[in-house]
Amino acid sequence: MSDGAPGDPLRPASGRRGHFRMESGLHSELWLDLDGLFVDARRIAPSVQVLASRLESHGVAVVCGPLLGGAFLAQLLAQEMGVAFAYTELVGVITDDLFGARYGLPPGLVENIRG
């Protein structure tokens, strides 16, 4: 987690302690509130550039993230990499097991990224 130092790109992130059950089914004593990271994309641009450069050799054609949170990072990565962007929506929690949450592409995106 960020130390909160001025100029630290993770400074807008915050955390809460307690007991949290994640959508994945995993439990955690720490919840990271990352929404503040995306208020000013310029702040995290250097980190996005580093991540994009690490993914470059994998031949990425589309970057996809869940609409709640992950889509913001996915969109910034897609833009940096010059590839398509898509997002998924929570379809529902199928089971109470580990990784029981299910996500799906909205119908309007399926045709755009097919193949």
N, C-alpha and C. Protein backbone atom coordinates (compact mmCIF):
# COMPACT_ATOMS: atom_id res chain seq x y z
N MET A 1 0.84 -1.17 0.00
CA MET A 1 0.00 0.00 0.00
C MET A 1 0.89 1.24 0.00
N SER A 2 0.40 2.29 -0.47
CA SER A 2 1.13 3.54 -0.59
C SER A 2 1.52 4.09 0.78
N ASP A 3 2.68 4.78 0.80
CA ASP A 3 3.05 5.43 2.04
C ASP A 3 2.48 6.84 2.12
N GLY A 4 1.80 7.28 1.03
CA GLY A 4 1.13 8.56 1.03
C GLY A 4 2.04 9.75 0.82
N ALA A 5 3.30 9.51 0.46
CA ALA A 5 4.24 10.61 0.26
C ALA A 5 3.79 11.48 -0.91
N PRO A 6 4.04 12.80 -0.83
CA PRO A 6 3.71 13.68 -1.96
C PRO A 6 4.37 13.17 -3.23
N GLY A 7 3.65 13.21 -4.34
CA GLY A 7 4.17 12.73 -5.61
C GLY A 7 3.98 11.24 -5.80
N ASP A 8 3.58 10.52 -4.78
CA ASP A 8 3.32 9.09 -4.87
C ASP A 8 2.04 8.88 -5.66
N PRO A 9 2.08 8.14 -6.80
CA PRO A 9 0.87 7.97 -7.60
C PRO A 9 -0.24 7.22 -6.88
N LEU A 10 0.09 6.48 -5.84
CA LEU A 10 -0.92 5.72 -5.10
C LEU A 10 -1.47 6.49 -3.91
N ARG A 11 -1.05 7.71 -3.72
CA ARG A 11 -1.48 8.50 -2.56
C ARG A 11 -3.01 8.61 -2.44
N PRO A 12 -3.77 8.77 -3.53
CA PRO A 12 -5.23 8.88 -3.39
C PRO A 12 -5.92 7.58 -2.96
N ALA A 13 -5.20 6.46 -2.97
CA ALA A 13 -5.79 5.20 -2.53
C ALA A 13 -5.87 5.20 -1.00
N SER A 14 -6.90 4.57 -0.48
CA SER A 14 -7.03 4.46 0.96
C SER A 14 -7.45 3.04 1.29
N GLY A 15 -7.35 2.70 2.54
CA GLY A 15 -7.70 1.35 2.96
C GLY A 15 -8.51 1.36 4.24
N ARG A 16 -9.25 0.28 4.43
CA ARG A 16 -10.01 0.09 5.66
C ARG A 16 -9.68 -1.29 6.21
N ARG A 17 -9.63 -1.38 7.51
CA ARG A 17 -9.38 -2.67 8.16
C ARG A 17 -10.68 -3.20 8.73
N GLY A 18 -10.79 -4.52 8.75
CA GLY A 18 -11.99 -5.18 9.26
C GLY A 18 -12.03 -6.58 8.67
N HIS A 19 -13.22 -7.09 8.47
CA HIS A 19 -13.38 -8.39 7.80
C HIS A 19 -14.22 -8.18 6.55
N PHE A 20 -13.66 -8.55 5.41
CA PHE A 20 -14.33 -8.33 4.14
C PHE A 20 -14.36 -9.64 3.35
N ARG A 21 -15.52 -9.95 2.78
CA ARG A 21 -15.64 -11.08 1.87
C ARG A 21 -15.68 -10.51 0.47
N MET A 22 -14.70 -10.86 -0.33
CA MET A 22 -14.59 -10.34 -1.68
C MET A 22 -15.53 -11.10 -2.61
N GLU A 23 -15.80 -10.52 -3.79
CA GLU A 23 -16.63 -11.21 -4.78
C GLU A 23 -16.04 -12.55 -5.16
N SER A 24 -14.72 -12.67 -5.08
CA SER A 24 -14.04 -13.91 -5.43
C SER A 24 -14.36 -15.02 -4.45
N GLY A 25 -14.88 -14.66 -3.28
CA GLY A 25 -15.11 -15.64 -2.23
C GLY A 25 -14.00 -15.63 -1.19
N LEU A 26 -12.88 -15.00 -1.51
CA LEU A 26 -11.80 -14.89 -0.56
C LEU A 26 -12.16 -13.89 0.54
N HIS A 27 -11.52 -14.03 1.68
CA HIS A 27 -11.73 -13.12 2.80
C HIS A 27 -10.46 -12.30 2.99
N SER A 28 -10.62 -11.08 3.47
CA SER A 28 -9.48 -10.20 3.67
C SER A 28 -9.71 -9.34 4.90
N GLU A 29 -8.62 -8.96 5.54
CA GLU A 29 -8.70 -8.02 6.65
C GLU A 29 -8.46 -6.59 6.18
N LEU A 30 -8.17 -6.42 4.89
CA LEU A 30 -7.88 -5.10 4.34
C LEU A 30 -8.70 -4.88 3.07
N TRP A 31 -9.40 -3.76 3.01
CA TRP A 31 -10.15 -3.36 1.82
C TRP A 31 -9.49 -2.11 1.27
N LEU A 32 -9.05 -2.17 0.02
CA LEU A 32 -8.42 -1.01 -0.62
C LEU A 32 -9.45 -0.25 -1.43
N ASP A 33 -9.61 1.01 -1.13
CA ASP A 33 -10.49 1.89 -1.90
C ASP A 33 -9.62 2.56 -2.97
N LEU A 34 -9.73 2.08 -4.20
CA LEU A 34 -8.85 2.53 -5.27
C LEU A 34 -9.47 3.58 -6.17
N ASP A 35 -10.76 3.89 -5.98
CA ASP A 35 -11.43 4.83 -6.88
C ASP A 35 -10.71 6.17 -6.98
N GLY A 36 -10.11 6.63 -5.88
CA GLY A 36 -9.41 7.90 -5.89
C GLY A 36 -8.23 7.93 -6.85
N LEU A 37 -7.70 6.77 -7.21
CA LEU A 37 -6.59 6.72 -8.16
C LEU A 37 -6.97 7.23 -9.53
N PHE A 38 -8.25 7.12 -9.89
CA PHE A 38 -8.68 7.39 -11.25
C PHE A 38 -9.30 8.77 -11.43
N VAL A 39 -9.30 9.58 -10.40
CA VAL A 39 -9.84 10.93 -10.49
C VAL A 39 -8.99 11.77 -11.44
N ASP A 40 -7.69 11.60 -11.37
CA ASP A 40 -6.76 12.33 -12.24
C ASP A 40 -5.84 11.31 -12.89
N ALA A 41 -6.17 10.89 -14.10
CA ALA A 41 -5.41 9.85 -14.79
C ALA A 41 -3.95 10.22 -14.98
N ARG A 42 -3.65 11.50 -15.03
CA ARG A 42 -2.25 11.93 -15.20
C ARG A 42 -1.39 11.47 -14.03
N ARG A 43 -1.99 11.39 -12.87
CA ARG A 43 -1.24 11.02 -11.67
C ARG A 43 -0.71 9.59 -11.75
N ILE A 44 -1.51 8.68 -12.30
CA ILE A 44 -1.07 7.28 -12.38
C ILE A 44 -0.53 6.92 -13.75
N ALA A 45 -0.46 7.88 -14.66
CA ALA A 45 0.04 7.60 -16.02
C ALA A 45 1.40 6.90 -16.02
N PRO A 46 2.37 7.31 -15.20
CA PRO A 46 3.65 6.59 -15.23
C PRO A 46 3.51 5.11 -14.85
N SER A 47 2.66 4.80 -13.89
CA SER A 47 2.44 3.40 -13.50
C SER A 47 1.74 2.63 -14.60
N VAL A 48 0.79 3.27 -15.27
CA VAL A 48 0.09 2.64 -16.39
C VAL A 48 1.08 2.36 -17.53
N GLN A 49 1.98 3.29 -17.78
CA GLN A 49 2.99 3.10 -18.83
C GLN A 49 3.89 1.91 -18.52
N VAL A 50 4.30 1.78 -17.27
CA VAL A 50 5.14 0.65 -16.88
C VAL A 50 4.39 -0.67 -17.08
N LEU A 51 3.15 -0.72 -16.62
CA LEU A 51 2.35 -1.93 -16.77
C LEU A 51 2.14 -2.26 -18.25
N ALA A 52 1.83 -1.26 -19.05
CA ALA A 52 1.64 -1.47 -20.49
C ALA A 52 2.91 -2.03 -21.13
N SER A 53 4.05 -1.51 -20.75
CA SER A 53 5.31 -1.99 -21.34
C SER A 53 5.57 -3.45 -20.95
N ARG A 54 5.14 -3.84 -19.76
CA ARG A 54 5.32 -5.24 -19.33
C ARG A 54 4.38 -6.19 -20.06
N LEU A 55 3.25 -5.66 -20.52
CA LEU A 55 2.28 -6.50 -21.24
C LEU A 55 2.53 -6.54 -22.74
N GLU A 56 3.34 -5.62 -23.22
CA GLU A 56 3.55 -5.43 -24.66
C GLU A 56 3.94 -6.72 -25.39
N SER A 57 4.79 -7.54 -24.81
CA SER A 57 5.28 -8.74 -25.49
C SER A 57 4.24 -9.85 -25.57
N HIS A 58 3.09 -9.66 -24.96
CA HIS A 58 2.06 -10.71 -24.94
C HIS A 58 1.06 -10.60 -26.09
N GLY A 59 1.22 -9.64 -26.97
CA GLY A 59 0.32 -9.53 -28.11
C GLY A 59 -1.12 -9.23 -27.73
N VAL A 60 -1.31 -8.38 -26.78
CA VAL A 60 -2.66 -8.03 -26.30
C VAL A 60 -3.43 -7.31 -27.41
N ALA A 61 -4.67 -7.76 -27.64
CA ALA A 61 -5.53 -7.13 -28.63
C ALA A 61 -6.66 -6.33 -27.98
N VAL A 62 -7.07 -6.76 -26.78
CA VAL A 62 -8.16 -6.10 -26.05
C VAL A 62 -7.81 -6.13 -24.57
N VAL A 63 -8.06 -5.03 -23.89
CA VAL A 63 -7.92 -5.00 -22.44
C VAL A 63 -9.33 -4.86 -21.86
N CYS A 64 -9.66 -5.77 -20.95
CA CYS A 64 -11.02 -5.83 -20.40
C CYS A 64 -10.95 -5.81 -18.88
N GLY A 65 -11.88 -5.08 -18.27
CA GLY A 65 -11.94 -5.04 -16.82
C GLY A 65 -13.37 -4.96 -16.34
N PRO A 66 -13.63 -5.36 -15.10
CA PRO A 66 -14.98 -5.28 -14.56
C PRO A 66 -15.40 -3.83 -14.40
N LEU A 67 -16.66 -3.55 -14.70
CA LEU A 67 -17.17 -2.19 -14.69
C LEU A 67 -16.94 -1.48 -13.36
N LEU A 68 -16.98 -2.19 -12.29
CA LEU A 68 -16.73 -1.57 -10.98
C LEU A 68 -15.23 -1.56 -10.71
N GLY A 69 -14.58 -0.47 -11.05
CA GLY A 69 -13.18 -0.28 -10.71
C GLY A 69 -12.18 -0.72 -11.75
N GLY A 70 -12.13 -1.98 -12.06
CA GLY A 70 -11.13 -2.50 -12.98
C GLY A 70 -11.23 -1.93 -14.38
N ALA A 71 -12.42 -1.51 -14.78
CA ALA A 71 -12.61 -0.96 -16.12
C ALA A 71 -11.85 0.34 -16.29
N PHE A 72 -11.70 1.11 -15.23
CA PHE A 72 -10.95 2.37 -15.34
C PHE A 72 -9.50 2.09 -15.70
N LEU A 73 -8.89 1.14 -15.02
CA LEU A 73 -7.51 0.77 -15.33
C LEU A 73 -7.42 0.14 -16.71
N ALA A 74 -8.37 -0.73 -17.04
CA ALA A 74 -8.37 -1.38 -18.35
C ALA A 74 -8.44 -0.34 -19.48
N GLN A 75 -9.25 0.67 -19.31
CA GLN A 75 -9.38 1.69 -20.35
C GLN A 75 -8.08 2.49 -20.50
N LEU A 76 -7.46 2.84 -19.39
CA LEU A 76 -6.18 3.56 -19.46
C LEU A 76 -5.10 2.70 -20.11
N LEU A 77 -5.06 1.42 -19.76
CA LEU A 77 -4.09 0.51 -20.37
C LEU A 77 -4.33 0.36 -21.87
N ALA A 78 -5.59 0.17 -22.24
CA ALA A 78 -5.92 0.01 -23.66
C ALA A 78 -5.49 1.24 -24.45
N GLN A 79 -5.74 2.41 -23.90
CA GLN A 79 -5.35 3.65 -24.57
C GLN A 79 -3.83 3.72 -24.70
N GLU A 80 -3.12 3.41 -23.65
CA GLU A 80 -1.65 3.45 -23.67
C GLU A 80 -1.08 2.45 -24.67
N MET A 81 -1.72 1.28 -24.79
CA MET A 81 -1.23 0.22 -25.66
C MET A 81 -1.75 0.34 -27.09
N GLY A 82 -2.72 1.24 -27.30
CA GLY A 82 -3.28 1.39 -28.64
C GLY A 82 -4.10 0.20 -29.09
N VAL A 83 -4.82 -0.41 -28.12
CA VAL A 83 -5.66 -1.57 -28.44
C VAL A 83 -7.10 -1.29 -28.00
N ALA A 84 -7.98 -2.22 -28.30
CA ALA A 84 -9.39 -2.08 -27.96
C ALA A 84 -9.61 -2.22 -26.45
N PHE A 85 -10.70 -1.64 -25.98
CA PHE A 85 -11.10 -1.71 -24.57
C PHE A 85 -12.50 -2.30 -24.49
N ALA A 86 -12.72 -3.11 -23.46
CA ALA A 86 -14.05 -3.66 -23.19
C ALA A 86 -14.22 -3.74 -21.68
N TYR A 87 -15.45 -3.88 -21.25
CA TYR A 87 -15.70 -4.05 -19.83
C TYR A 87 -16.73 -5.15 -19.63
N THR A 88 -16.74 -5.70 -18.44
CA THR A 88 -17.73 -6.71 -18.09
C THR A 88 -18.60 -6.17 -16.96
N GLU A 89 -19.78 -6.77 -16.84
CA GLU A 89 -20.71 -6.42 -15.78
C GLU A 89 -20.95 -7.66 -14.92
N LEU A 90 -21.20 -7.43 -13.65
CA LEU A 90 -21.49 -8.55 -12.76
C LEU A 90 -22.82 -9.17 -13.18
N VAL A 91 -22.80 -10.44 -13.53
CA VAL A 91 -24.00 -11.17 -13.93
C VAL A 91 -24.70 -11.70 -12.68
N GLY A 92 -23.92 -12.10 -11.73
CA GLY A 92 -24.48 -12.60 -10.48
C GLY A 92 -23.49 -13.48 -9.77
N VAL A 93 -23.82 -13.82 -8.56
CA VAL A 93 -22.99 -14.74 -7.81
C VAL A 93 -23.64 -16.10 -7.96
N ILE A 94 -22.97 -16.97 -8.70
CA ILE A 94 -23.53 -18.29 -9.02
C ILE A 94 -23.46 -19.22 -7.82
N THR A 95 -22.33 -19.18 -7.12
CA THR A 95 -22.15 -20.04 -5.96
C THR A 95 -21.54 -19.23 -4.84
N ASP A 96 -21.51 -19.81 -3.69
CA ASP A 96 -20.87 -19.17 -2.55
C ASP A 96 -19.42 -19.64 -2.45
N ASP A 97 -18.98 -20.39 -3.46
CA ASP A 97 -17.63 -20.93 -3.47
C ASP A 97 -16.62 -19.87 -3.88
N LEU A 98 -15.38 -20.25 -3.81
CA LEU A 98 -14.30 -19.40 -4.27
C LEU A 98 -14.50 -19.08 -5.75
N PHE A 99 -14.41 -17.84 -6.11
CA PHE A 99 -14.59 -17.35 -7.48
C PHE A 99 -16.00 -17.66 -8.01
N GLY A 100 -17.00 -17.50 -7.17
CA GLY A 100 -18.38 -17.75 -7.55
C GLY A 100 -19.06 -16.61 -8.28
N ALA A 101 -18.44 -15.42 -8.27
CA ALA A 101 -19.01 -14.29 -9.00
C ALA A 101 -18.77 -14.48 -10.49
N ARG A 102 -19.76 -14.16 -11.29
CA ARG A 102 -19.66 -14.31 -12.75
C ARG A 102 -19.85 -12.97 -13.42
N TYR A 103 -19.02 -12.71 -14.41
CA TYR A 103 -19.08 -11.46 -15.17
C TYR A 103 -19.33 -11.79 -16.63
N GLY A 104 -19.98 -10.87 -17.33
CA GLY A 104 -20.23 -11.07 -18.75
C GLY A 104 -20.08 -9.77 -19.52
N LEU A 105 -19.79 -9.91 -20.79
CA LEU A 105 -19.72 -8.74 -21.67
C LEU A 105 -21.13 -8.27 -21.97
N PRO A 106 -21.37 -6.98 -21.95
CA PRO A 106 -22.68 -6.47 -22.38
C PRO A 106 -22.91 -6.86 -23.85
N PRO A 107 -24.14 -7.17 -24.23
CA PRO A 107 -24.43 -7.60 -25.60
C PRO A 107 -23.86 -6.67 -26.67
N GLY A 108 -23.87 -5.37 -26.43
CA GLY A 108 -23.37 -4.43 -27.43
C GLY A 108 -21.87 -4.51 -27.67
N LEU A 109 -21.13 -5.12 -26.75
CA LEU A 109 -19.69 -5.24 -26.91
C LEU A 109 -19.26 -6.55 -27.54
N VAL A 110 -20.11 -7.57 -27.43
CA VAL A 110 -19.74 -8.91 -27.90
C VAL A 110 -19.30 -8.90 -29.36
N GLU A 111 -20.11 -8.31 -30.23
CA GLU A 111 -19.78 -8.28 -31.65
C GLU A 111 -18.54 -7.44 -31.94
N ASN A 112 -18.34 -6.38 -31.15
CA ASN A 112 -17.21 -5.48 -31.38
C ASN A 112 -15.86 -6.15 -31.10
N ILE A 113 -15.82 -7.13 -30.23
CA ILE A 113 -14.54 -7.74 -29.89
C ILE A 113 -14.45 -9.21 -30.25
N ARG A 114 -15.45 -9.72 -30.96
CA ARG A 114 -15.44 -11.13 -31.36
C ARG A 114 -14.15 -11.46 -32.11
N GLY A 115 -13.60 -12.63 -31.80
CA GLY A 115 -12.40 -13.08 -32.48
C GLY A 115 -11.16 -12.65 -31.77
